[in-house]
Amino acid sequence: MPPSFRSLSSFRRGLRDTFPLVPPIAVFGAVFGALAVQAGLSPWLTMLSSLIVLSGAAQVAMAGLLASGAAPVLLATTGLALRHLPMSAALSGLIGDAPVYRRVQLAWVLVDETFGLTVNASRDPSVDLVSFKSAADLVLYVTWLTSTAVGVFLGADVDTSRLGIEVIFPLVFLGLAAPLLRNRRQWLTAGLAVMAAVSAVLVLPSEWRVTAAAIAAAVIGSRVK
C-alpha cells in the first residue's frame, strides 16, 4: 500500500473509530463549561482552559474543587497529570521515528480516549498510527471546544447533577479498556481498579479521590500476577 494512501486510510479510520465517543465527550464538555461558570470562572478563562489544557478529567476536577481553594485543585490535577508519563512513553514507542513537530502535536492532545484508541489500532500493522491519532485528536478537540462553549452559554441553566456524569465517566473508560483486555490478569486488574476508584469516591474527601484512585490502580496493575 502506498504511504499516502495508507495515511489517508488511517486518518479516515481514526475519524470513524472516534465518532462513537462524540456524545459522551460532548456531555463532558458541556458539564465542564457549566460547572466552571457556576464555580465563578469567567467564560473566556473557561474556553481558554479547553483550548490550551485540553484535559477533561482535570478540568472537571478543577471546576468541582475551585471552592475548596488552590491546594486541592493542584493535588487532584497533579495526580491526574502523572498518568501522562507512562502514556507518553508508550505512545513514543508506538509511533517510532516520527518528526519532532509530529511528536509535539501528538503529545499535546494526550487524553485517555484517543490514547486508548491508538493503542488498540496499533494491533493492526497496516495502520499509520500518526495519521490515525491525528484524526482521533481532531474529532475530540473540536467536540470538546464546541461542547464547552455550549456549557458556558447555558451556564446556570444546566443542572449538572441530572446529566449522569457519574455514570458516563466509568462507562466510557470501561468501554475503552475492554478491547485491550486479553487475559484473566488484565480483567482482574481492571476489576480491582474499578473497585478502588469506587471505594475512593465513597470514603475519601473530594480532593483526594482522583490521586488515591490513580495510585491504587497503578499499584494493583503492578502487583496482580
N, C-alpha and C. Protein backbone atom coordinates (compact mmCIF):
# COMPACT_ATOMS: atom_id res chain seq x y z
N MET A 1 0.85 -1.19 0.00
CA MET A 1 0.00 0.00 0.00
C MET A 1 0.89 1.24 0.00
N PRO A 2 0.70 2.18 -0.95
CA PRO A 2 1.50 3.41 -0.99
C PRO A 2 1.35 4.19 0.31
N PRO A 3 2.45 4.87 0.77
CA PRO A 3 2.39 5.59 2.04
C PRO A 3 1.25 6.62 2.12
N SER A 4 1.03 7.37 1.03
CA SER A 4 0.00 8.41 1.05
C SER A 4 -1.40 7.79 1.23
N PHE A 5 -1.65 6.66 0.52
CA PHE A 5 -2.95 6.01 0.66
C PHE A 5 -3.10 5.41 2.05
N ARG A 6 -2.02 4.85 2.57
CA ARG A 6 -2.06 4.27 3.91
C ARG A 6 -2.37 5.34 4.95
N SER A 7 -1.76 6.51 4.81
CA SER A 7 -2.00 7.60 5.75
C SER A 7 -3.44 8.09 5.66
N LEU A 8 -3.96 8.24 4.44
CA LEU A 8 -5.34 8.70 4.26
C LEU A 8 -6.32 7.68 4.82
N SER A 9 -6.06 6.40 4.55
CA SER A 9 -6.93 5.34 5.06
C SER A 9 -6.92 5.31 6.58
N SER A 10 -5.75 5.50 7.17
CA SER A 10 -5.63 5.50 8.64
C SER A 10 -6.31 6.72 9.23
N PHE A 11 -6.20 7.86 8.55
CA PHE A 11 -6.87 9.07 9.02
C PHE A 11 -8.38 8.87 9.04
N ARG A 12 -8.89 8.28 7.98
CA ARG A 12 -10.34 8.02 7.93
C ARG A 12 -10.76 7.04 9.01
N ARG A 13 -9.93 6.05 9.26
CA ARG A 13 -10.26 5.09 10.31
C ARG A 13 -10.26 5.77 11.67
N GLY A 14 -9.30 6.68 11.89
CA GLY A 14 -9.27 7.42 13.15
C GLY A 14 -10.54 8.23 13.36
N LEU A 15 -11.03 8.87 12.29
CA LEU A 15 -12.28 9.61 12.38
C LEU A 15 -13.44 8.67 12.72
N ARG A 16 -13.49 7.55 12.00
CA ARG A 16 -14.59 6.60 12.17
C ARG A 16 -14.59 5.98 13.57
N ASP A 17 -13.42 5.62 14.07
CA ASP A 17 -13.35 4.97 15.37
C ASP A 17 -13.67 5.93 16.52
N THR A 18 -13.45 7.21 16.30
CA THR A 18 -13.65 8.19 17.38
C THR A 18 -15.07 8.72 17.44
N PHE A 19 -15.79 8.70 16.33
CA PHE A 19 -17.14 9.26 16.30
C PHE A 19 -18.07 8.69 17.37
N PRO A 20 -18.01 7.37 17.70
CA PRO A 20 -18.90 6.87 18.77
C PRO A 20 -18.68 7.53 20.12
N LEU A 21 -17.50 8.13 20.32
CA LEU A 21 -17.21 8.79 21.59
C LEU A 21 -17.68 10.24 21.62
N VAL A 22 -18.17 10.76 20.51
CA VAL A 22 -18.60 12.16 20.46
C VAL A 22 -19.69 12.48 21.48
N PRO A 23 -20.78 11.67 21.59
CA PRO A 23 -21.83 12.01 22.56
C PRO A 23 -21.34 12.12 24.01
N PRO A 24 -20.62 11.11 24.55
CA PRO A 24 -20.16 11.27 25.95
C PRO A 24 -19.16 12.41 26.12
N ILE A 25 -18.28 12.62 25.13
CA ILE A 25 -17.33 13.72 25.23
C ILE A 25 -18.07 15.06 25.22
N ALA A 26 -19.12 15.15 24.40
CA ALA A 26 -19.92 16.38 24.35
C ALA A 26 -20.57 16.65 25.70
N VAL A 27 -21.05 15.58 26.37
CA VAL A 27 -21.63 15.75 27.70
C VAL A 27 -20.56 16.25 28.67
N PHE A 28 -19.37 15.65 28.62
CA PHE A 28 -18.27 16.10 29.49
C PHE A 28 -18.01 17.59 29.30
N GLY A 29 -17.88 18.00 28.03
CA GLY A 29 -17.56 19.39 27.73
C GLY A 29 -18.63 20.35 28.23
N ALA A 30 -19.89 19.98 28.01
CA ALA A 30 -20.99 20.84 28.47
C ALA A 30 -21.01 20.92 29.99
N VAL A 31 -20.79 19.78 30.65
CA VAL A 31 -20.76 19.77 32.12
C VAL A 31 -19.62 20.64 32.62
N PHE A 32 -18.43 20.51 32.01
CA PHE A 32 -17.32 21.34 32.45
C PHE A 32 -17.61 22.82 32.27
N GLY A 33 -18.11 23.20 31.08
CA GLY A 33 -18.41 24.60 30.84
C GLY A 33 -19.39 25.17 31.85
N ALA A 34 -20.44 24.40 32.14
CA ALA A 34 -21.44 24.85 33.11
C ALA A 34 -20.88 24.89 34.53
N LEU A 35 -20.14 23.83 34.90
CA LEU A 35 -19.55 23.78 36.24
C LEU A 35 -18.59 24.94 36.47
N ALA A 36 -17.76 25.22 35.47
CA ALA A 36 -16.76 26.27 35.62
C ALA A 36 -17.41 27.63 35.79
N VAL A 37 -18.42 27.91 34.98
CA VAL A 37 -19.12 29.19 35.09
C VAL A 37 -19.84 29.29 36.43
N GLN A 38 -20.49 28.21 36.84
CA GLN A 38 -21.20 28.21 38.12
C GLN A 38 -20.25 28.36 39.30
N ALA A 39 -18.99 27.89 39.13
CA ALA A 39 -18.00 27.99 40.20
C ALA A 39 -17.33 29.37 40.24
N GLY A 40 -17.64 30.22 39.27
CA GLY A 40 -17.11 31.58 39.29
C GLY A 40 -16.01 31.86 38.27
N LEU A 41 -15.65 30.87 37.47
CA LEU A 41 -14.63 31.09 36.43
C LEU A 41 -15.26 31.86 35.27
N SER A 42 -14.55 32.83 34.75
CA SER A 42 -15.10 33.65 33.66
C SER A 42 -15.25 32.81 32.40
N PRO A 43 -16.20 33.16 31.52
CA PRO A 43 -16.39 32.40 30.28
C PRO A 43 -15.13 32.31 29.43
N TRP A 44 -14.36 33.41 29.33
CA TRP A 44 -13.18 33.37 28.47
C TRP A 44 -12.09 32.49 29.06
N LEU A 45 -11.95 32.47 30.39
CA LEU A 45 -10.97 31.58 31.01
C LEU A 45 -11.39 30.12 30.87
N THR A 46 -12.67 29.87 30.96
CA THR A 46 -13.19 28.51 30.77
C THR A 46 -12.87 28.01 29.37
N MET A 47 -13.12 28.84 28.36
CA MET A 47 -12.82 28.45 26.99
C MET A 47 -11.31 28.31 26.77
N LEU A 48 -10.54 29.21 27.38
CA LEU A 48 -9.07 29.14 27.23
C LEU A 48 -8.52 27.85 27.80
N SER A 49 -9.09 27.39 28.91
CA SER A 49 -8.60 26.15 29.51
C SER A 49 -8.84 24.96 28.58
N SER A 50 -9.99 24.95 27.89
CA SER A 50 -10.26 23.87 26.94
C SER A 50 -9.40 24.00 25.70
N LEU A 51 -9.10 25.23 25.31
CA LEU A 51 -8.30 25.47 24.12
C LEU A 51 -6.85 25.04 24.32
N ILE A 52 -6.31 25.28 25.51
CA ILE A 52 -4.88 25.05 25.77
C ILE A 52 -4.64 23.78 26.57
N VAL A 53 -5.37 23.61 27.66
CA VAL A 53 -5.10 22.48 28.56
C VAL A 53 -5.62 21.18 27.97
N LEU A 54 -6.86 21.17 27.55
CA LEU A 54 -7.49 20.01 26.92
C LEU A 54 -7.30 18.73 27.74
N SER A 55 -7.82 18.75 28.96
CA SER A 55 -7.79 17.57 29.82
C SER A 55 -9.11 17.50 30.55
N GLY A 56 -10.05 16.76 29.98
CA GLY A 56 -11.40 16.74 30.52
C GLY A 56 -11.48 16.40 31.99
N ALA A 57 -10.82 15.31 32.39
CA ALA A 57 -10.90 14.88 33.79
C ALA A 57 -10.30 15.94 34.71
N ALA A 58 -9.15 16.51 34.34
CA ALA A 58 -8.51 17.52 35.17
C ALA A 58 -9.35 18.80 35.22
N GLN A 59 -9.95 19.17 34.09
CA GLN A 59 -10.75 20.39 34.06
C GLN A 59 -12.02 20.24 34.90
N VAL A 60 -12.68 19.09 34.80
CA VAL A 60 -13.88 18.86 35.61
C VAL A 60 -13.51 18.83 37.09
N ALA A 61 -12.38 18.18 37.42
CA ALA A 61 -11.93 18.15 38.81
C ALA A 61 -11.63 19.56 39.31
N MET A 62 -10.99 20.36 38.46
CA MET A 62 -10.68 21.75 38.83
C MET A 62 -11.95 22.54 39.11
N ALA A 63 -12.93 22.43 38.21
CA ALA A 63 -14.18 23.17 38.38
C ALA A 63 -14.90 22.75 39.66
N GLY A 64 -14.86 21.45 39.95
CA GLY A 64 -15.54 20.96 41.14
C GLY A 64 -14.85 21.33 42.44
N LEU A 65 -13.54 21.63 42.37
CA LEU A 65 -12.77 21.90 43.58
C LEU A 65 -12.38 23.36 43.76
N LEU A 66 -12.81 24.24 42.83
CA LEU A 66 -12.43 25.65 42.92
C LEU A 66 -12.81 26.27 44.25
N ALA A 67 -13.96 25.92 44.76
CA ALA A 67 -14.42 26.50 46.02
C ALA A 67 -13.58 26.05 47.21
N SER A 68 -12.83 24.94 47.05
CA SER A 68 -12.03 24.41 48.15
C SER A 68 -10.65 25.07 48.24
N GLY A 69 -10.30 25.87 47.24
CA GLY A 69 -9.01 26.54 47.26
C GLY A 69 -8.02 25.93 46.29
N ALA A 70 -6.83 26.55 46.22
CA ALA A 70 -5.82 26.16 45.24
C ALA A 70 -5.19 24.80 45.53
N ALA A 71 -4.95 24.51 46.81
CA ALA A 71 -4.24 23.27 47.17
C ALA A 71 -4.98 22.02 46.70
N PRO A 72 -6.29 21.86 46.97
CA PRO A 72 -6.99 20.68 46.48
C PRO A 72 -6.99 20.57 44.95
N VAL A 73 -7.11 21.73 44.27
CA VAL A 73 -7.08 21.72 42.81
C VAL A 73 -5.74 21.22 42.31
N LEU A 74 -4.65 21.74 42.88
CA LEU A 74 -3.31 21.31 42.45
C LEU A 74 -3.07 19.84 42.76
N LEU A 75 -3.54 19.39 43.91
CA LEU A 75 -3.35 17.99 44.30
C LEU A 75 -4.06 17.05 43.33
N ALA A 76 -5.32 17.36 43.05
CA ALA A 76 -6.11 16.49 42.17
C ALA A 76 -5.59 16.51 40.74
N THR A 77 -5.30 17.69 40.20
CA THR A 77 -4.85 17.78 38.81
C THR A 77 -3.45 17.21 38.63
N THR A 78 -2.59 17.35 39.66
CA THR A 78 -1.26 16.75 39.57
C THR A 78 -1.36 15.23 39.54
N GLY A 79 -2.22 14.68 40.38
CA GLY A 79 -2.43 13.23 40.36
C GLY A 79 -2.91 12.74 39.01
N LEU A 80 -3.80 13.52 38.39
CA LEU A 80 -4.28 13.15 37.05
C LEU A 80 -3.19 13.29 36.01
N ALA A 81 -2.35 14.32 36.14
CA ALA A 81 -1.33 14.58 35.13
C ALA A 81 -0.22 13.53 35.14
N LEU A 82 0.03 12.91 36.29
CA LEU A 82 1.12 11.93 36.38
C LEU A 82 0.94 10.75 35.44
N ARG A 83 -0.30 10.43 35.10
CA ARG A 83 -0.53 9.28 34.22
C ARG A 83 -0.02 9.55 32.80
N HIS A 84 0.25 10.80 32.47
CA HIS A 84 0.74 11.11 31.14
C HIS A 84 2.19 10.65 30.92
N LEU A 85 2.92 10.42 32.00
CA LEU A 85 4.30 9.95 31.85
C LEU A 85 4.35 8.56 31.21
N PRO A 86 3.69 7.54 31.78
CA PRO A 86 3.70 6.23 31.10
C PRO A 86 2.94 6.25 29.78
N MET A 87 1.89 7.08 29.68
CA MET A 87 1.14 7.16 28.42
C MET A 87 2.03 7.70 27.30
N SER A 88 2.78 8.76 27.58
CA SER A 88 3.64 9.35 26.55
C SER A 88 4.78 8.41 26.18
N ALA A 89 5.30 7.67 27.17
CA ALA A 89 6.38 6.71 26.88
C ALA A 89 5.86 5.60 25.97
N ALA A 90 4.66 5.11 26.25
CA ALA A 90 4.07 4.06 25.41
C ALA A 90 3.79 4.58 24.01
N LEU A 91 3.27 5.80 23.90
CA LEU A 91 2.97 6.37 22.60
C LEU A 91 4.24 6.59 21.78
N SER A 92 5.32 7.00 22.44
CA SER A 92 6.58 7.20 21.74
C SER A 92 7.07 5.91 21.10
N GLY A 93 6.92 4.80 21.83
CA GLY A 93 7.33 3.51 21.27
C GLY A 93 6.47 3.07 20.12
N LEU A 94 5.21 3.47 20.11
CA LEU A 94 4.28 3.05 19.06
C LEU A 94 4.51 3.81 17.75
N ILE A 95 4.74 5.12 17.86
CA ILE A 95 4.83 5.93 16.63
C ILE A 95 6.20 5.87 15.99
N GLY A 96 7.22 5.40 16.71
CA GLY A 96 8.53 5.23 16.10
C GLY A 96 9.22 6.56 15.81
N ASP A 97 9.90 6.62 14.68
CA ASP A 97 10.74 7.78 14.33
C ASP A 97 9.94 8.87 13.63
N ALA A 98 8.94 9.38 14.27
CA ALA A 98 8.16 10.48 13.70
C ALA A 98 8.92 11.79 13.90
N PRO A 99 8.73 12.77 13.01
CA PRO A 99 9.39 14.07 13.17
C PRO A 99 9.03 14.73 14.50
N VAL A 100 9.89 15.64 14.94
CA VAL A 100 9.68 16.30 16.24
C VAL A 100 8.35 17.04 16.28
N TYR A 101 8.01 17.74 15.20
CA TYR A 101 6.77 18.51 15.22
C TYR A 101 5.55 17.60 15.34
N ARG A 102 5.65 16.41 14.76
CA ARG A 102 4.55 15.45 14.89
C ARG A 102 4.46 14.92 16.33
N ARG A 103 5.60 14.69 16.96
CA ARG A 103 5.61 14.21 18.33
C ARG A 103 5.00 15.25 19.28
N VAL A 104 5.34 16.53 19.03
CA VAL A 104 4.75 17.60 19.84
C VAL A 104 3.24 17.65 19.64
N GLN A 105 2.81 17.53 18.40
CA GLN A 105 1.38 17.55 18.09
C GLN A 105 0.64 16.42 18.80
N LEU A 106 1.19 15.21 18.71
CA LEU A 106 0.53 14.05 19.31
C LEU A 106 0.57 14.09 20.83
N ALA A 107 1.64 14.69 21.40
CA ALA A 107 1.76 14.78 22.86
C ALA A 107 0.81 15.82 23.42
N TRP A 108 0.52 16.85 22.65
CA TRP A 108 -0.35 17.93 23.14
C TRP A 108 -1.75 17.41 23.44
N VAL A 109 -2.32 16.63 22.53
CA VAL A 109 -3.66 16.06 22.75
C VAL A 109 -3.47 14.63 23.26
N LEU A 110 -2.94 14.52 24.48
CA LEU A 110 -2.69 13.21 25.06
C LEU A 110 -3.77 12.93 26.10
N VAL A 111 -4.87 12.39 25.65
CA VAL A 111 -6.01 12.11 26.52
C VAL A 111 -6.31 10.61 26.47
N ASP A 112 -7.02 10.15 27.49
CA ASP A 112 -7.26 8.71 27.64
C ASP A 112 -7.98 8.12 26.43
N GLU A 113 -8.97 8.87 25.91
CA GLU A 113 -9.80 8.32 24.84
C GLU A 113 -8.99 8.04 23.58
N THR A 114 -8.27 9.04 23.08
CA THR A 114 -7.53 8.83 21.84
C THR A 114 -6.29 7.96 22.06
N PHE A 115 -5.74 8.00 23.27
CA PHE A 115 -4.62 7.11 23.56
C PHE A 115 -5.08 5.65 23.52
N GLY A 116 -6.23 5.36 24.14
CA GLY A 116 -6.75 4.00 24.13
C GLY A 116 -7.07 3.52 22.73
N LEU A 117 -7.67 4.39 21.93
CA LEU A 117 -7.98 4.02 20.54
C LEU A 117 -6.70 3.76 19.74
N THR A 118 -5.67 4.57 19.99
CA THR A 118 -4.41 4.40 19.26
C THR A 118 -3.72 3.10 19.64
N VAL A 119 -3.72 2.77 20.92
CA VAL A 119 -3.13 1.50 21.37
C VAL A 119 -3.87 0.34 20.72
N ASN A 120 -5.18 0.43 20.68
CA ASN A 120 -5.97 -0.64 20.07
C ASN A 120 -5.67 -0.74 18.57
N ALA A 121 -5.54 0.41 17.89
CA ALA A 121 -5.25 0.41 16.45
C ALA A 121 -3.85 -0.11 16.16
N SER A 122 -2.94 -0.02 17.12
CA SER A 122 -1.57 -0.47 16.89
C SER A 122 -1.48 -1.98 16.68
N ARG A 123 -2.54 -2.70 17.01
CA ARG A 123 -2.55 -4.15 16.79
C ARG A 123 -2.68 -4.49 15.31
N ASP A 124 -3.08 -3.50 14.51
CA ASP A 124 -3.20 -3.69 13.06
C ASP A 124 -1.98 -3.07 12.39
N PRO A 125 -1.06 -3.86 11.85
CA PRO A 125 0.18 -3.32 11.27
C PRO A 125 -0.04 -2.44 10.04
N SER A 126 -1.23 -2.49 9.45
CA SER A 126 -1.49 -1.68 8.26
C SER A 126 -1.86 -0.24 8.61
N VAL A 127 -2.04 0.07 9.90
CA VAL A 127 -2.47 1.40 10.31
C VAL A 127 -1.26 2.31 10.52
N ASP A 128 -1.32 3.50 9.93
CA ASP A 128 -0.34 4.55 10.20
C ASP A 128 -0.82 5.26 11.47
N LEU A 129 -0.15 5.01 12.59
CA LEU A 129 -0.63 5.49 13.87
C LEU A 129 -0.58 7.01 14.00
N VAL A 130 0.37 7.65 13.33
CA VAL A 130 0.43 9.11 13.39
C VAL A 130 -0.82 9.72 12.76
N SER A 131 -1.21 9.21 11.59
CA SER A 131 -2.41 9.70 10.92
C SER A 131 -3.67 9.32 11.69
N PHE A 132 -3.68 8.10 12.23
CA PHE A 132 -4.85 7.64 12.99
C PHE A 132 -5.08 8.53 14.20
N LYS A 133 -4.04 8.75 15.00
CA LYS A 133 -4.22 9.54 16.22
C LYS A 133 -4.48 11.00 15.89
N SER A 134 -3.92 11.52 14.81
CA SER A 134 -4.19 12.90 14.41
C SER A 134 -5.67 13.09 14.15
N ALA A 135 -6.29 12.12 13.48
CA ALA A 135 -7.72 12.20 13.20
C ALA A 135 -8.54 12.08 14.47
N ALA A 136 -8.16 11.13 15.32
CA ALA A 136 -8.88 10.95 16.59
C ALA A 136 -8.78 12.20 17.45
N ASP A 137 -7.59 12.79 17.50
CA ASP A 137 -7.40 14.01 18.27
C ASP A 137 -8.25 15.16 17.72
N LEU A 138 -8.34 15.25 16.41
CA LEU A 138 -9.12 16.31 15.79
C LEU A 138 -10.59 16.22 16.19
N VAL A 139 -11.15 15.02 16.12
CA VAL A 139 -12.55 14.83 16.50
C VAL A 139 -12.77 15.20 17.95
N LEU A 140 -11.89 14.73 18.83
CA LEU A 140 -12.05 15.01 20.25
C LEU A 140 -11.89 16.50 20.53
N TYR A 141 -10.90 17.14 19.91
CA TYR A 141 -10.62 18.55 20.17
C TYR A 141 -11.79 19.43 19.76
N VAL A 142 -12.30 19.22 18.56
CA VAL A 142 -13.43 20.02 18.07
C VAL A 142 -14.67 19.79 18.94
N THR A 143 -14.93 18.53 19.28
CA THR A 143 -16.08 18.21 20.13
C THR A 143 -15.96 18.87 21.50
N TRP A 144 -14.77 18.80 22.08
CA TRP A 144 -14.57 19.35 23.42
C TRP A 144 -14.74 20.86 23.43
N LEU A 145 -14.15 21.55 22.46
CA LEU A 145 -14.28 23.01 22.40
C LEU A 145 -15.73 23.43 22.17
N THR A 146 -16.39 22.76 21.24
CA THR A 146 -17.78 23.12 20.93
C THR A 146 -18.69 22.89 22.12
N SER A 147 -18.55 21.74 22.76
CA SER A 147 -19.44 21.43 23.89
C SER A 147 -19.12 22.30 25.10
N THR A 148 -17.85 22.66 25.31
CA THR A 148 -17.51 23.60 26.39
C THR A 148 -18.21 24.93 26.17
N ALA A 149 -18.20 25.40 24.90
CA ALA A 149 -18.87 26.65 24.57
C ALA A 149 -20.37 26.56 24.86
N VAL A 150 -20.97 25.42 24.57
CA VAL A 150 -22.40 25.22 24.85
C VAL A 150 -22.65 25.30 26.35
N GLY A 151 -21.81 24.63 27.13
CA GLY A 151 -21.96 24.67 28.59
C GLY A 151 -21.78 26.06 29.15
N VAL A 152 -20.81 26.80 28.62
CA VAL A 152 -20.59 28.18 29.06
C VAL A 152 -21.80 29.05 28.72
N PHE A 153 -22.35 28.86 27.52
CA PHE A 153 -23.50 29.66 27.08
C PHE A 153 -24.72 29.38 27.95
N LEU A 154 -24.95 28.11 28.26
CA LEU A 154 -26.12 27.75 29.07
C LEU A 154 -25.91 28.10 30.54
N GLY A 155 -24.66 27.96 31.02
CA GLY A 155 -24.28 28.38 32.35
C GLY A 155 -25.16 27.85 33.45
N ALA A 156 -25.78 28.77 34.16
CA ALA A 156 -26.58 28.41 35.34
C ALA A 156 -27.83 27.62 34.98
N ASP A 157 -28.21 27.59 33.70
CA ASP A 157 -29.42 26.87 33.31
C ASP A 157 -29.21 25.36 33.26
N VAL A 158 -27.94 24.91 33.35
CA VAL A 158 -27.63 23.48 33.27
C VAL A 158 -27.59 22.90 34.68
N ASP A 159 -28.40 21.89 34.92
CA ASP A 159 -28.35 21.16 36.19
C ASP A 159 -27.44 19.96 35.99
N THR A 160 -26.16 20.11 36.34
CA THR A 160 -25.17 19.07 36.06
C THR A 160 -25.46 17.77 36.81
N SER A 161 -26.18 17.86 37.92
CA SER A 161 -26.46 16.65 38.68
C SER A 161 -27.41 15.70 37.95
N ARG A 162 -28.11 16.21 36.93
CA ARG A 162 -29.09 15.39 36.21
C ARG A 162 -28.55 14.83 34.90
N LEU A 163 -27.28 15.11 34.59
CA LEU A 163 -26.72 14.66 33.32
C LEU A 163 -26.09 13.28 33.40
N GLY A 164 -26.03 12.72 34.60
CA GLY A 164 -25.48 11.37 34.74
C GLY A 164 -23.99 11.28 34.53
N ILE A 165 -23.25 12.36 34.89
CA ILE A 165 -21.81 12.36 34.65
C ILE A 165 -21.10 11.26 35.44
N GLU A 166 -21.65 10.93 36.63
CA GLU A 166 -21.01 9.87 37.43
C GLU A 166 -21.08 8.52 36.73
N VAL A 167 -22.11 8.31 35.91
CA VAL A 167 -22.26 7.06 35.18
C VAL A 167 -21.48 7.07 33.88
N ILE A 168 -21.48 8.20 33.19
CA ILE A 168 -20.83 8.29 31.88
C ILE A 168 -19.33 8.12 31.98
N PHE A 169 -18.70 8.71 32.99
CA PHE A 169 -17.25 8.59 33.14
C PHE A 169 -16.79 7.13 33.18
N PRO A 170 -17.27 6.32 34.13
CA PRO A 170 -16.78 4.94 34.17
C PRO A 170 -17.17 4.12 32.95
N LEU A 171 -18.35 4.39 32.36
CA LEU A 171 -18.75 3.63 31.19
C LEU A 171 -17.83 3.90 30.00
N VAL A 172 -17.45 5.15 29.80
CA VAL A 172 -16.55 5.48 28.69
C VAL A 172 -15.20 4.80 28.87
N PHE A 173 -14.64 4.89 30.08
CA PHE A 173 -13.31 4.32 30.29
C PHE A 173 -13.33 2.79 30.28
N LEU A 174 -14.40 2.21 30.77
CA LEU A 174 -14.52 0.76 30.68
C LEU A 174 -14.65 0.33 29.22
N GLY A 175 -15.39 1.11 28.44
CA GLY A 175 -15.52 0.81 27.01
C GLY A 175 -14.20 0.91 26.28
N LEU A 176 -13.38 1.87 26.67
CA LEU A 176 -12.06 1.99 26.05
C LEU A 176 -11.14 0.84 26.46
N ALA A 177 -11.24 0.43 27.71
CA ALA A 177 -10.34 -0.61 28.20
C ALA A 177 -10.70 -1.99 27.70
N ALA A 178 -11.99 -2.25 27.49
CA ALA A 178 -12.45 -3.61 27.16
C ALA A 178 -11.73 -4.22 25.96
N PRO A 179 -11.54 -3.49 24.83
CA PRO A 179 -10.87 -4.13 23.68
C PRO A 179 -9.40 -4.45 23.94
N LEU A 180 -8.82 -3.85 24.99
CA LEU A 180 -7.40 -4.06 25.26
C LEU A 180 -7.15 -5.19 26.26
N LEU A 181 -8.21 -5.69 26.87
CA LEU A 181 -8.06 -6.74 27.89
C LEU A 181 -8.04 -8.10 27.22
N ARG A 182 -6.92 -8.80 27.37
CA ARG A 182 -6.73 -10.04 26.63
C ARG A 182 -6.67 -11.30 27.49
N ASN A 183 -6.44 -11.16 28.77
CA ASN A 183 -6.31 -12.36 29.59
C ASN A 183 -6.91 -12.12 30.98
N ARG A 184 -6.89 -13.17 31.80
CA ARG A 184 -7.52 -13.11 33.12
C ARG A 184 -6.85 -12.07 34.00
N ARG A 185 -5.54 -11.96 33.93
CA ARG A 185 -4.83 -10.98 34.76
C ARG A 185 -5.29 -9.56 34.45
N GLN A 186 -5.44 -9.25 33.17
CA GLN A 186 -5.85 -7.90 32.79
C GLN A 186 -7.28 -7.61 33.22
N TRP A 187 -8.16 -8.59 33.07
CA TRP A 187 -9.54 -8.39 33.52
C TRP A 187 -9.60 -8.23 35.03
N LEU A 188 -8.81 -9.01 35.76
CA LEU A 188 -8.77 -8.90 37.21
C LEU A 188 -8.24 -7.54 37.63
N THR A 189 -7.17 -7.07 36.94
CA THR A 189 -6.61 -5.77 37.24
C THR A 189 -7.63 -4.67 37.03
N ALA A 190 -8.35 -4.73 35.90
CA ALA A 190 -9.37 -3.72 35.60
C ALA A 190 -10.48 -3.73 36.65
N GLY A 191 -10.92 -4.93 37.03
CA GLY A 191 -11.98 -5.03 38.02
C GLY A 191 -11.57 -4.47 39.38
N LEU A 192 -10.36 -4.80 39.82
CA LEU A 192 -9.86 -4.29 41.09
C LEU A 192 -9.67 -2.78 41.05
N ALA A 193 -9.20 -2.27 39.90
CA ALA A 193 -9.01 -0.82 39.76
C ALA A 193 -10.34 -0.08 39.86
N VAL A 194 -11.39 -0.64 39.25
CA VAL A 194 -12.72 -0.03 39.34
C VAL A 194 -13.20 -0.04 40.79
N MET A 195 -12.99 -1.14 41.48
CA MET A 195 -13.39 -1.21 42.88
C MET A 195 -12.64 -0.19 43.72
N ALA A 196 -11.34 0.01 43.42
CA ALA A 196 -10.56 1.00 44.15
C ALA A 196 -11.08 2.41 43.91
N ALA A 197 -11.45 2.69 42.66
CA ALA A 197 -11.97 4.01 42.33
C ALA A 197 -13.29 4.27 43.04
N VAL A 198 -14.17 3.27 43.03
CA VAL A 198 -15.47 3.42 43.70
C VAL A 198 -15.27 3.61 45.21
N SER A 199 -14.36 2.85 45.79
CA SER A 199 -14.09 2.98 47.22
C SER A 199 -13.57 4.38 47.56
N ALA A 200 -12.72 4.92 46.69
CA ALA A 200 -12.19 6.27 46.92
C ALA A 200 -13.30 7.31 46.92
N VAL A 201 -14.25 7.16 46.01
CA VAL A 201 -15.37 8.10 45.94
C VAL A 201 -16.24 8.01 47.19
N LEU A 202 -16.43 6.80 47.70
CA LEU A 202 -17.31 6.59 48.84
C LEU A 202 -16.67 7.01 50.17
N VAL A 203 -15.34 6.89 50.26
CA VAL A 203 -14.69 7.05 51.56
C VAL A 203 -13.93 8.36 51.70
N LEU A 204 -13.23 8.80 50.66
CA LEU A 204 -12.29 9.91 50.80
C LEU A 204 -12.92 11.26 50.50
N PRO A 205 -12.31 12.33 51.02
CA PRO A 205 -12.74 13.68 50.64
C PRO A 205 -12.52 13.90 49.15
N SER A 206 -13.26 14.84 48.56
CA SER A 206 -13.24 15.03 47.11
C SER A 206 -11.85 15.34 46.57
N GLU A 207 -11.02 16.11 47.33
CA GLU A 207 -9.71 16.50 46.80
C GLU A 207 -8.72 15.35 46.76
N TRP A 208 -9.02 14.24 47.46
CA TRP A 208 -8.11 13.09 47.49
C TRP A 208 -8.54 11.95 46.58
N ARG A 209 -9.74 12.00 46.04
CA ARG A 209 -10.29 10.84 45.34
C ARG A 209 -9.49 10.47 44.10
N VAL A 210 -9.21 11.45 43.25
CA VAL A 210 -8.56 11.16 41.98
C VAL A 210 -7.16 10.61 42.19
N THR A 211 -6.38 11.30 43.04
CA THR A 211 -5.00 10.87 43.27
C THR A 211 -4.95 9.49 43.92
N ALA A 212 -5.79 9.27 44.93
CA ALA A 212 -5.79 7.98 45.62
C ALA A 212 -6.20 6.85 44.69
N ALA A 213 -7.23 7.08 43.87
CA ALA A 213 -7.68 6.05 42.93
C ALA A 213 -6.60 5.75 41.89
N ALA A 214 -5.91 6.79 41.41
CA ALA A 214 -4.84 6.58 40.42
C ALA A 214 -3.69 5.76 41.01
N ILE A 215 -3.29 6.09 42.24
CA ILE A 215 -2.21 5.35 42.90
C ILE A 215 -2.62 3.90 43.14
N ALA A 216 -3.84 3.70 43.63
CA ALA A 216 -4.32 2.34 43.89
C ALA A 216 -4.36 1.51 42.62
N ALA A 217 -4.84 2.12 41.52
CA ALA A 217 -4.89 1.39 40.26
C ALA A 217 -3.50 1.02 39.76
N ALA A 218 -2.54 1.95 39.91
CA ALA A 218 -1.17 1.68 39.48
C ALA A 218 -0.54 0.55 40.29
N VAL A 219 -0.78 0.57 41.61
CA VAL A 219 -0.22 -0.49 42.48
C VAL A 219 -0.86 -1.83 42.12
N ILE A 220 -2.15 -1.85 41.91
CA ILE A 220 -2.84 -3.10 41.54
C ILE A 220 -2.28 -3.63 40.22
N GLY A 221 -2.11 -2.74 39.25
CA GLY A 221 -1.59 -3.18 37.96
C GLY A 221 -0.20 -3.76 38.04
N SER A 222 0.61 -3.26 38.97
CA SER A 222 1.99 -3.75 39.09
C SER A 222 2.10 -5.02 39.93
N ARG A 223 1.07 -5.30 40.74
CA ARG A 223 1.17 -6.42 41.68
C ARG A 223 0.39 -7.66 41.26
N VAL A 224 -0.69 -7.47 40.49
CA VAL A 224 -1.51 -8.63 40.13
C VAL A 224 -0.73 -9.52 39.17
N LYS A 225 -0.65 -10.79 39.48
CA LYS A 225 0.11 -11.76 38.67
C LYS A 225 -0.83 -12.73 37.96
